[in-house]
Amino acid sequence: MKITYTDILVKVVAKLLRDHPYLNATLEGDQIKIIEEVNIGIAVALDQGLIVPVIRNADTKPITEIAKESHELADKARENKLNPDEVSGGTFTISNLGMYDIDSFTPIINPPQTAILGVGRIRRAPVVVGDNISIGYIMWLSLTFDHRVMDGHTAAKFLKELTEILEDENKLRTFLS
């Protein structure tokens, strides 16, 4: 089974959400509900529109199981064979438009969730390492969040930690294990 960067993001984000409960929550009316389970929705584009299949308890699954499940769900979505329970109960969504050569975008939150992560393409670009400029890889991430639930500081902390993990091979391996 091929493991994609989206699969890696699902695993890392799911584990990181345990430390950021307001991003793994729902807003129902005026009530904020912190959700114990981490159920990651993955946006899948179809000719008829967008659908968001859900990987349940993604924080507890090995990366290989996440990859298998995400590919199966995406195939079922394209074949219009998803069950209602496979598209409900998401607590956080990841929308990856990188395969369309998009650098960045602003995703819209999937209610009643409180946040969504937008993922752009991975591309080569000049990067600064210490006092030197070299060619490296970059990827834009954007986090849309509900200000009624959290402030910018809370969201920025999550995004900063996510970036630090993705940029550090040792941290990334730890999160994937």
N, C-alpha and C. Protein backbone atom coordinates (compact mmCIF):
# COMPACT_ATOMS: atom_id res chain seq x y z
N MET A 1 0.85 -1.18 0.00
CA MET A 1 0.00 0.00 0.00
C MET A 1 0.89 1.24 0.00
N LYS A 2 0.63 2.12 -0.93
CA LYS A 2 1.38 3.37 -1.02
C LYS A 2 0.90 4.34 0.07
N ILE A 3 1.85 4.92 0.78
CA ILE A 3 1.53 5.92 1.80
C ILE A 3 1.75 7.30 1.19
N THR A 4 0.70 8.11 1.17
CA THR A 4 0.78 9.45 0.59
C THR A 4 1.07 10.48 1.67
N TYR A 5 1.39 11.69 1.21
CA TYR A 5 1.63 12.75 2.17
C TYR A 5 0.34 13.08 2.94
N THR A 6 -0.80 12.93 2.30
CA THR A 6 -2.07 13.15 3.01
C THR A 6 -2.21 12.15 4.15
N ASP A 7 -1.84 10.90 3.91
CA ASP A 7 -1.90 9.88 4.96
C ASP A 7 -1.01 10.27 6.13
N ILE A 8 0.19 10.75 5.82
CA ILE A 8 1.12 11.19 6.86
C ILE A 8 0.51 12.35 7.64
N LEU A 9 -0.09 13.29 6.93
CA LEU A 9 -0.73 14.43 7.61
C LEU A 9 -1.88 13.98 8.51
N VAL A 10 -2.66 13.02 8.04
CA VAL A 10 -3.77 12.51 8.87
C VAL A 10 -3.22 11.99 10.19
N LYS A 11 -2.18 11.18 10.13
CA LYS A 11 -1.61 10.60 11.35
C LYS A 11 -1.04 11.67 12.27
N VAL A 12 -0.22 12.56 11.72
CA VAL A 12 0.42 13.59 12.54
C VAL A 12 -0.62 14.54 13.13
N VAL A 13 -1.54 15.01 12.32
CA VAL A 13 -2.58 15.93 12.80
C VAL A 13 -3.42 15.25 13.88
N ALA A 14 -3.80 14.00 13.64
CA ALA A 14 -4.64 13.28 14.61
C ALA A 14 -3.96 13.19 15.97
N LYS A 15 -2.68 12.83 15.99
CA LYS A 15 -1.97 12.73 17.27
C LYS A 15 -1.80 14.11 17.91
N LEU A 16 -1.54 15.12 17.09
CA LEU A 16 -1.34 16.47 17.61
C LEU A 16 -2.63 17.06 18.17
N LEU A 17 -3.76 16.68 17.61
CA LEU A 17 -5.05 17.20 18.09
C LEU A 17 -5.35 16.82 19.53
N ARG A 18 -4.75 15.74 20.01
CA ARG A 18 -4.95 15.35 21.41
C ARG A 18 -4.52 16.48 22.36
N ASP A 19 -3.49 17.24 21.94
CA ASP A 19 -2.99 18.34 22.76
C ASP A 19 -3.66 19.68 22.45
N HIS A 20 -4.60 19.68 21.50
CA HIS A 20 -5.28 20.90 21.08
C HIS A 20 -6.78 20.64 21.00
N PRO A 21 -7.43 20.46 22.14
CA PRO A 21 -8.82 20.00 22.15
C PRO A 21 -9.82 20.92 21.46
N TYR A 22 -9.58 22.23 21.43
CA TYR A 22 -10.55 23.11 20.80
C TYR A 22 -10.56 22.99 19.28
N LEU A 23 -9.52 22.41 18.72
CA LEU A 23 -9.51 22.14 17.29
C LEU A 23 -10.18 20.80 16.98
N ASN A 24 -10.34 19.97 17.99
CA ASN A 24 -11.01 18.68 17.84
C ASN A 24 -12.34 18.74 18.60
N ALA A 25 -13.16 19.65 18.16
CA ALA A 25 -14.41 19.93 18.87
C ALA A 25 -15.50 20.21 17.85
N THR A 26 -16.71 20.35 18.36
CA THR A 26 -17.82 20.79 17.52
C THR A 26 -18.50 21.96 18.20
N LEU A 27 -19.12 22.78 17.40
CA LEU A 27 -19.91 23.90 17.91
C LEU A 27 -21.35 23.65 17.50
N GLU A 28 -22.18 23.41 18.51
CA GLU A 28 -23.60 23.13 18.26
C GLU A 28 -24.40 24.19 18.98
N GLY A 29 -24.94 25.13 18.20
CA GLY A 29 -25.58 26.30 18.79
C GLY A 29 -24.51 27.14 19.45
N ASP A 30 -24.67 27.40 20.74
CA ASP A 30 -23.66 28.13 21.50
C ASP A 30 -22.77 27.20 22.31
N GLN A 31 -22.97 25.91 22.17
CA GLN A 31 -22.27 24.92 22.99
C GLN A 31 -21.05 24.35 22.27
N ILE A 32 -19.89 24.48 22.93
CA ILE A 32 -18.65 23.88 22.44
C ILE A 32 -18.55 22.50 23.06
N LYS A 33 -18.40 21.47 22.21
CA LYS A 33 -18.24 20.10 22.70
C LYS A 33 -16.85 19.61 22.32
N ILE A 34 -16.02 19.36 23.33
CA ILE A 34 -14.71 18.76 23.09
C ILE A 34 -14.95 17.27 22.85
N ILE A 35 -14.44 16.76 21.75
CA ILE A 35 -14.67 15.37 21.37
C ILE A 35 -13.47 14.53 21.77
N GLU A 36 -13.73 13.42 22.43
CA GLU A 36 -12.65 12.52 22.86
C GLU A 36 -12.01 11.80 21.68
N GLU A 37 -12.84 11.28 20.77
CA GLU A 37 -12.31 10.59 19.60
C GLU A 37 -11.72 11.60 18.63
N VAL A 38 -10.71 11.19 17.90
CA VAL A 38 -10.14 12.03 16.84
C VAL A 38 -10.51 11.38 15.51
N ASN A 39 -11.51 11.95 14.85
CA ASN A 39 -12.03 11.42 13.59
C ASN A 39 -11.73 12.41 12.48
N ILE A 40 -10.79 12.06 11.62
CA ILE A 40 -10.30 12.98 10.60
C ILE A 40 -11.06 12.79 9.29
N GLY A 41 -11.66 13.88 8.81
CA GLY A 41 -12.30 13.89 7.51
C GLY A 41 -11.28 14.25 6.44
N ILE A 42 -11.36 13.58 5.31
CA ILE A 42 -10.49 13.88 4.17
C ILE A 42 -11.38 14.31 3.01
N ALA A 43 -11.24 15.56 2.60
CA ALA A 43 -12.06 16.09 1.52
C ALA A 43 -11.70 15.39 0.21
N VAL A 44 -12.72 14.90 -0.50
CA VAL A 44 -12.54 14.23 -1.78
C VAL A 44 -13.42 14.95 -2.81
N ALA A 45 -12.79 15.42 -3.88
CA ALA A 45 -13.52 16.13 -4.93
C ALA A 45 -14.14 15.11 -5.89
N LEU A 46 -15.42 15.31 -6.17
CA LEU A 46 -16.14 14.48 -7.13
C LEU A 46 -16.74 15.40 -8.19
N ASP A 47 -17.16 14.84 -9.31
CA ASP A 47 -17.82 15.65 -10.33
C ASP A 47 -19.07 16.33 -9.78
N GLN A 48 -19.77 15.64 -8.86
CA GLN A 48 -21.00 16.17 -8.27
C GLN A 48 -20.75 17.12 -7.11
N GLY A 49 -19.51 17.29 -6.71
CA GLY A 49 -19.19 18.16 -5.57
C GLY A 49 -18.23 17.49 -4.61
N LEU A 50 -18.16 18.04 -3.44
CA LEU A 50 -17.20 17.60 -2.43
C LEU A 50 -17.87 16.63 -1.45
N ILE A 51 -17.13 15.61 -1.05
CA ILE A 51 -17.59 14.71 0.01
C ILE A 51 -16.42 14.49 0.96
N VAL A 52 -16.73 14.26 2.23
CA VAL A 52 -15.68 14.16 3.25
C VAL A 52 -15.82 12.84 4.01
N PRO A 53 -15.19 11.76 3.50
CA PRO A 53 -15.16 10.52 4.27
C PRO A 53 -14.31 10.69 5.53
N VAL A 54 -14.61 9.89 6.54
CA VAL A 54 -14.01 10.06 7.87
C VAL A 54 -13.20 8.83 8.27
N ILE A 55 -11.97 9.07 8.72
CA ILE A 55 -11.15 8.02 9.32
C ILE A 55 -11.30 8.15 10.83
N ARG A 56 -11.99 7.20 11.41
CA ARG A 56 -12.29 7.24 12.84
C ARG A 56 -11.09 6.82 13.69
N ASN A 57 -10.95 7.49 14.84
CA ASN A 57 -9.87 7.18 15.78
C ASN A 57 -8.50 7.16 15.10
N ALA A 58 -8.28 8.13 14.23
CA ALA A 58 -7.04 8.18 13.44
C ALA A 58 -5.80 8.30 14.32
N ASP A 59 -5.96 8.87 15.50
CA ASP A 59 -4.81 9.04 16.39
C ASP A 59 -4.28 7.71 16.92
N THR A 60 -5.10 6.67 16.90
CA THR A 60 -4.69 5.38 17.46
C THR A 60 -4.28 4.36 16.40
N LYS A 61 -4.46 4.70 15.13
CA LYS A 61 -4.18 3.74 14.05
C LYS A 61 -2.77 3.90 13.52
N PRO A 62 -2.14 2.78 13.13
CA PRO A 62 -0.83 2.89 12.48
C PRO A 62 -0.98 3.53 11.10
N ILE A 63 0.09 4.14 10.63
CA ILE A 63 0.06 4.84 9.34
C ILE A 63 -0.37 3.92 8.20
N THR A 64 0.01 2.66 8.25
CA THR A 64 -0.37 1.72 7.19
C THR A 64 -1.88 1.50 7.15
N GLU A 65 -2.51 1.46 8.31
CA GLU A 65 -3.96 1.30 8.36
C GLU A 65 -4.66 2.56 7.88
N ILE A 66 -4.12 3.72 8.24
CA ILE A 66 -4.68 4.99 7.76
C ILE A 66 -4.60 5.05 6.24
N ALA A 67 -3.46 4.66 5.67
CA ALA A 67 -3.28 4.68 4.21
C ALA A 67 -4.29 3.76 3.54
N LYS A 68 -4.42 2.55 4.06
CA LYS A 68 -5.36 1.57 3.48
C LYS A 68 -6.79 2.11 3.54
N GLU A 69 -7.17 2.61 4.72
CA GLU A 69 -8.53 3.10 4.90
C GLU A 69 -8.81 4.34 4.06
N SER A 70 -7.86 5.25 3.98
CA SER A 70 -8.09 6.48 3.20
C SER A 70 -8.24 6.16 1.72
N HIS A 71 -7.46 5.22 1.21
CA HIS A 71 -7.58 4.85 -0.20
C HIS A 71 -8.90 4.13 -0.47
N GLU A 72 -9.30 3.25 0.45
CA GLU A 72 -10.59 2.56 0.30
C GLU A 72 -11.75 3.54 0.33
N LEU A 73 -11.70 4.49 1.27
CA LEU A 73 -12.78 5.48 1.37
C LEU A 73 -12.83 6.38 0.14
N ALA A 74 -11.67 6.78 -0.37
CA ALA A 74 -11.63 7.62 -1.57
C ALA A 74 -12.20 6.87 -2.77
N ASP A 75 -11.85 5.59 -2.91
CA ASP A 75 -12.40 4.77 -4.00
C ASP A 75 -13.91 4.64 -3.87
N LYS A 76 -14.38 4.36 -2.67
CA LYS A 76 -15.83 4.25 -2.45
C LYS A 76 -16.53 5.58 -2.74
N ALA A 77 -15.89 6.69 -2.40
CA ALA A 77 -16.47 8.00 -2.67
C ALA A 77 -16.62 8.21 -4.18
N ARG A 78 -15.59 7.88 -4.94
CA ARG A 78 -15.63 8.05 -6.39
C ARG A 78 -16.66 7.13 -7.04
N GLU A 79 -16.92 5.98 -6.42
CA GLU A 79 -17.90 5.03 -6.93
C GLU A 79 -19.30 5.28 -6.35
N ASN A 80 -19.42 6.33 -5.54
CA ASN A 80 -20.69 6.69 -4.90
C ASN A 80 -21.23 5.53 -4.05
N LYS A 81 -20.34 4.88 -3.29
CA LYS A 81 -20.72 3.73 -2.48
C LYS A 81 -20.45 3.92 -0.99
N LEU A 82 -20.29 5.16 -0.54
CA LEU A 82 -20.05 5.41 0.88
C LEU A 82 -21.32 5.24 1.69
N ASN A 83 -21.20 4.64 2.86
CA ASN A 83 -22.31 4.53 3.79
C ASN A 83 -22.42 5.83 4.58
N PRO A 84 -23.61 6.16 5.10
CA PRO A 84 -23.75 7.40 5.88
C PRO A 84 -22.77 7.49 7.05
N ASP A 85 -22.47 6.37 7.71
CA ASP A 85 -21.55 6.43 8.85
C ASP A 85 -20.11 6.67 8.43
N GLU A 86 -19.81 6.54 7.14
CA GLU A 86 -18.45 6.80 6.64
C GLU A 86 -18.23 8.27 6.30
N VAL A 87 -19.30 9.06 6.36
CA VAL A 87 -19.17 10.50 6.08
C VAL A 87 -19.70 11.36 7.22
N SER A 88 -19.88 10.75 8.38
CA SER A 88 -20.38 11.50 9.53
C SER A 88 -19.45 11.32 10.72
N GLY A 89 -19.55 12.23 11.66
CA GLY A 89 -18.79 12.10 12.89
C GLY A 89 -17.38 12.65 12.83
N GLY A 90 -17.03 13.34 11.75
CA GLY A 90 -15.70 13.94 11.66
C GLY A 90 -15.52 15.03 12.70
N THR A 91 -14.31 15.14 13.24
CA THR A 91 -14.02 16.17 14.24
C THR A 91 -13.04 17.21 13.72
N PHE A 92 -12.39 16.93 12.59
CA PHE A 92 -11.42 17.85 11.98
C PHE A 92 -11.26 17.38 10.54
N THR A 93 -11.11 18.32 9.60
CA THR A 93 -10.99 17.94 8.19
C THR A 93 -9.66 18.41 7.62
N ILE A 94 -9.12 17.60 6.71
CA ILE A 94 -7.94 17.97 5.93
C ILE A 94 -8.35 18.04 4.46
N SER A 95 -8.05 19.17 3.83
CA SER A 95 -8.34 19.35 2.41
C SER A 95 -7.02 19.59 1.68
N ASN A 96 -6.64 18.67 0.82
CA ASN A 96 -5.37 18.74 0.11
C ASN A 96 -5.63 19.03 -1.37
N LEU A 97 -5.20 20.21 -1.82
CA LEU A 97 -5.33 20.56 -3.23
C LEU A 97 -3.98 20.56 -3.94
N GLY A 98 -2.97 20.01 -3.28
CA GLY A 98 -1.63 19.99 -3.84
C GLY A 98 -1.54 19.30 -5.19
N MET A 99 -2.34 18.27 -5.41
CA MET A 99 -2.28 17.54 -6.68
C MET A 99 -2.75 18.38 -7.86
N TYR A 100 -3.36 19.55 -7.57
CA TYR A 100 -3.80 20.46 -8.63
C TYR A 100 -2.81 21.62 -8.82
N ASP A 101 -1.60 21.47 -8.28
CA ASP A 101 -0.55 22.50 -8.34
C ASP A 101 -0.98 23.81 -7.68
N ILE A 102 -1.78 23.70 -6.63
CA ILE A 102 -2.21 24.86 -5.84
C ILE A 102 -1.22 25.03 -4.70
N ASP A 103 -0.71 26.26 -4.53
CA ASP A 103 0.21 26.52 -3.42
C ASP A 103 -0.54 26.73 -2.12
N SER A 104 -1.56 27.58 -2.15
CA SER A 104 -2.31 27.85 -0.92
C SER A 104 -3.74 28.23 -1.26
N PHE A 105 -4.61 28.06 -0.29
CA PHE A 105 -6.02 28.39 -0.43
C PHE A 105 -6.62 28.49 0.96
N THR A 106 -7.83 28.97 1.03
CA THR A 106 -8.52 29.10 2.32
C THR A 106 -9.70 28.13 2.33
N PRO A 107 -9.55 27.00 3.01
CA PRO A 107 -10.65 26.04 3.06
C PRO A 107 -11.77 26.53 3.98
N ILE A 108 -12.96 26.05 3.73
CA ILE A 108 -14.13 26.42 4.53
C ILE A 108 -14.41 25.29 5.53
N ILE A 109 -14.66 25.68 6.77
CA ILE A 109 -14.92 24.71 7.84
C ILE A 109 -16.14 23.86 7.50
N ASN A 110 -16.05 22.58 7.83
CA ASN A 110 -17.12 21.63 7.62
C ASN A 110 -17.95 21.56 8.92
N PRO A 111 -19.07 22.32 9.02
CA PRO A 111 -19.84 22.36 10.27
C PRO A 111 -20.31 20.97 10.69
N PRO A 112 -20.39 20.68 11.97
CA PRO A 112 -20.19 21.56 13.13
C PRO A 112 -18.74 21.61 13.63
N GLN A 113 -17.79 21.15 12.79
CA GLN A 113 -16.38 21.16 13.20
C GLN A 113 -15.92 22.60 13.46
N THR A 114 -14.78 22.73 14.12
CA THR A 114 -14.29 24.05 14.48
C THR A 114 -13.03 24.45 13.72
N ALA A 115 -12.48 23.54 12.90
CA ALA A 115 -11.28 23.88 12.15
C ALA A 115 -11.10 22.93 10.96
N ILE A 116 -10.33 23.41 9.98
CA ILE A 116 -9.98 22.62 8.80
C ILE A 116 -8.58 23.03 8.36
N LEU A 117 -7.80 22.06 7.91
CA LEU A 117 -6.45 22.32 7.44
C LEU A 117 -6.42 22.24 5.92
N GLY A 118 -5.93 23.30 5.29
CA GLY A 118 -5.72 23.32 3.84
C GLY A 118 -4.27 23.01 3.53
N VAL A 119 -4.05 22.11 2.58
CA VAL A 119 -2.70 21.66 2.23
C VAL A 119 -2.44 21.96 0.76
N GLY A 120 -1.37 22.70 0.50
CA GLY A 120 -0.96 23.00 -0.87
C GLY A 120 0.06 21.99 -1.36
N ARG A 121 0.53 22.22 -2.59
CA ARG A 121 1.49 21.29 -3.19
C ARG A 121 2.86 21.37 -2.52
N ILE A 122 3.61 20.32 -2.67
CA ILE A 122 5.01 20.30 -2.25
C ILE A 122 5.83 20.67 -3.49
N ARG A 123 6.68 21.69 -3.35
CA ARG A 123 7.48 22.09 -4.50
C ARG A 123 8.87 22.52 -4.07
N ARG A 124 9.79 22.48 -5.03
CA ARG A 124 11.16 22.91 -4.78
C ARG A 124 11.19 24.44 -4.82
N ALA A 125 11.99 25.00 -3.91
CA ALA A 125 12.11 26.45 -3.83
C ALA A 125 13.38 26.80 -3.05
N PRO A 126 13.85 28.04 -3.20
CA PRO A 126 14.99 28.47 -2.38
C PRO A 126 14.56 28.54 -0.91
N VAL A 127 15.40 28.00 -0.04
CA VAL A 127 15.13 28.06 1.40
C VAL A 127 16.40 28.51 2.13
N VAL A 128 16.20 29.19 3.23
CA VAL A 128 17.33 29.65 4.04
C VAL A 128 17.61 28.60 5.11
N VAL A 129 18.85 28.13 5.16
CA VAL A 129 19.30 27.18 6.17
C VAL A 129 20.51 27.81 6.84
N GLY A 130 20.33 28.26 8.09
CA GLY A 130 21.41 29.00 8.76
C GLY A 130 21.65 30.30 8.03
N ASP A 131 22.87 30.50 7.55
CA ASP A 131 23.20 31.71 6.78
C ASP A 131 23.30 31.43 5.29
N ASN A 132 22.81 30.28 4.86
CA ASN A 132 22.93 29.89 3.46
C ASN A 132 21.56 29.74 2.81
N ILE A 133 21.56 29.93 1.50
CA ILE A 133 20.36 29.69 0.71
C ILE A 133 20.61 28.43 -0.11
N SER A 134 19.66 27.52 -0.05
CA SER A 134 19.79 26.29 -0.83
C SER A 134 18.42 25.95 -1.43
N ILE A 135 18.40 24.93 -2.25
CA ILE A 135 17.14 24.47 -2.83
C ILE A 135 16.58 23.39 -1.91
N GLY A 136 15.34 23.57 -1.53
CA GLY A 136 14.68 22.61 -0.66
C GLY A 136 13.24 22.43 -1.10
N TYR A 137 12.45 21.82 -0.24
CA TYR A 137 11.04 21.60 -0.53
C TYR A 137 10.20 22.43 0.44
N ILE A 138 9.12 23.01 -0.09
CA ILE A 138 8.20 23.75 0.76
C ILE A 138 6.77 23.28 0.47
N MET A 139 5.93 23.49 1.45
CA MET A 139 4.51 23.18 1.32
C MET A 139 3.75 24.19 2.17
N TRP A 140 2.75 24.82 1.60
CA TRP A 140 1.94 25.78 2.34
C TRP A 140 0.82 25.05 3.07
N LEU A 141 0.60 25.45 4.31
CA LEU A 141 -0.52 24.96 5.11
C LEU A 141 -1.36 26.17 5.51
N SER A 142 -2.67 26.02 5.48
CA SER A 142 -3.53 27.08 5.99
C SER A 142 -4.57 26.46 6.92
N LEU A 143 -4.80 27.13 8.02
CA LEU A 143 -5.74 26.63 9.02
C LEU A 143 -6.89 27.62 9.14
N THR A 144 -8.08 27.16 8.81
CA THR A 144 -9.28 27.96 9.02
C THR A 144 -9.89 27.47 10.32
N PHE A 145 -10.24 28.41 11.20
CA PHE A 145 -10.77 28.02 12.51
C PHE A 145 -11.89 28.97 12.91
N ASP A 146 -12.72 28.51 13.82
CA ASP A 146 -13.87 29.27 14.29
C ASP A 146 -13.47 30.13 15.48
N HIS A 147 -13.48 31.44 15.28
CA HIS A 147 -13.08 32.37 16.35
C HIS A 147 -14.05 32.35 17.53
N ARG A 148 -15.23 31.79 17.36
CA ARG A 148 -16.15 31.69 18.49
C ARG A 148 -15.68 30.62 19.47
N VAL A 149 -14.79 29.74 19.02
CA VAL A 149 -14.32 28.62 19.83
C VAL A 149 -12.90 28.84 20.34
N MET A 150 -12.06 29.44 19.53
CA MET A 150 -10.65 29.64 19.91
C MET A 150 -10.15 30.95 19.33
N ASP A 151 -9.07 31.45 19.90
CA ASP A 151 -8.47 32.67 19.37
C ASP A 151 -7.30 32.30 18.46
N GLY A 152 -6.72 33.32 17.85
CA GLY A 152 -5.62 33.11 16.92
C GLY A 152 -4.41 32.46 17.56
N HIS A 153 -4.19 32.76 18.83
CA HIS A 153 -3.04 32.18 19.53
C HIS A 153 -3.14 30.66 19.60
N THR A 154 -4.32 30.16 19.94
CA THR A 154 -4.55 28.72 20.03
C THR A 154 -4.32 28.05 18.68
N ALA A 155 -4.88 28.64 17.63
CA ALA A 155 -4.72 28.09 16.29
C ALA A 155 -3.27 28.16 15.82
N ALA A 156 -2.61 29.27 16.09
CA ALA A 156 -1.22 29.45 15.67
C ALA A 156 -0.30 28.45 16.36
N LYS A 157 -0.58 28.17 17.63
CA LYS A 157 0.23 27.20 18.37
C LYS A 157 0.15 25.82 17.71
N PHE A 158 -1.05 25.42 17.35
CA PHE A 158 -1.25 24.14 16.66
C PHE A 158 -0.47 24.11 15.34
N LEU A 159 -0.63 25.16 14.55
CA LEU A 159 0.01 25.21 13.24
C LEU A 159 1.54 25.24 13.37
N LYS A 160 2.03 25.96 14.36
CA LYS A 160 3.48 26.02 14.60
C LYS A 160 4.01 24.63 14.97
N GLU A 161 3.32 23.94 15.87
CA GLU A 161 3.76 22.60 16.27
C GLU A 161 3.71 21.63 15.09
N LEU A 162 2.66 21.73 14.29
CA LEU A 162 2.54 20.87 13.11
C LEU A 162 3.71 21.11 12.15
N THR A 163 4.01 22.38 11.91
CA THR A 163 5.12 22.73 11.02
C THR A 163 6.44 22.21 11.56
N GLU A 164 6.67 22.36 12.85
CA GLU A 164 7.92 21.87 13.46
C GLU A 164 8.07 20.36 13.30
N ILE A 165 6.98 19.63 13.43
CA ILE A 165 7.02 18.18 13.26
C ILE A 165 7.33 17.81 11.81
N LEU A 166 6.65 18.47 10.88
CA LEU A 166 6.85 18.14 9.47
C LEU A 166 8.24 18.51 8.97
N GLU A 167 8.85 19.52 9.58
CA GLU A 167 10.18 19.97 9.15
C GLU A 167 11.32 19.19 9.81
N ASP A 168 11.03 18.42 10.83
CA ASP A 168 12.07 17.70 11.57
C ASP A 168 11.86 16.19 11.39
N GLU A 169 12.76 15.57 10.65
CA GLU A 169 12.62 14.15 10.32
C GLU A 169 12.49 13.27 11.56
N ASN A 170 13.24 13.57 12.62
CA ASN A 170 13.17 12.76 13.84
C ASN A 170 11.82 12.91 14.53
N LYS A 171 11.32 14.15 14.63
CA LYS A 171 9.99 14.36 15.23
C LYS A 171 8.92 13.67 14.40
N LEU A 172 9.04 13.77 13.08
CA LEU A 172 8.06 13.15 12.20
C LEU A 172 8.03 11.64 12.40
N ARG A 173 9.18 11.02 12.46
CA ARG A 173 9.24 9.57 12.69
C ARG A 173 8.59 9.18 14.01
N THR A 174 8.81 10.00 15.04
CA THR A 174 8.20 9.73 16.35
C THR A 174 6.68 9.78 16.24
N PHE A 175 6.15 10.77 15.53
CA PHE A 175 4.70 10.90 15.40
C PHE A 175 4.10 9.79 14.55
N LEU A 176 4.87 9.26 13.63
CA LEU A 176 4.36 8.21 12.76
C LEU A 176 4.44 6.83 13.39
N SER A 177 5.17 6.71 14.49
CA SER A 177 5.32 5.38 15.11
C SER A 177 4.17 5.08 16.04
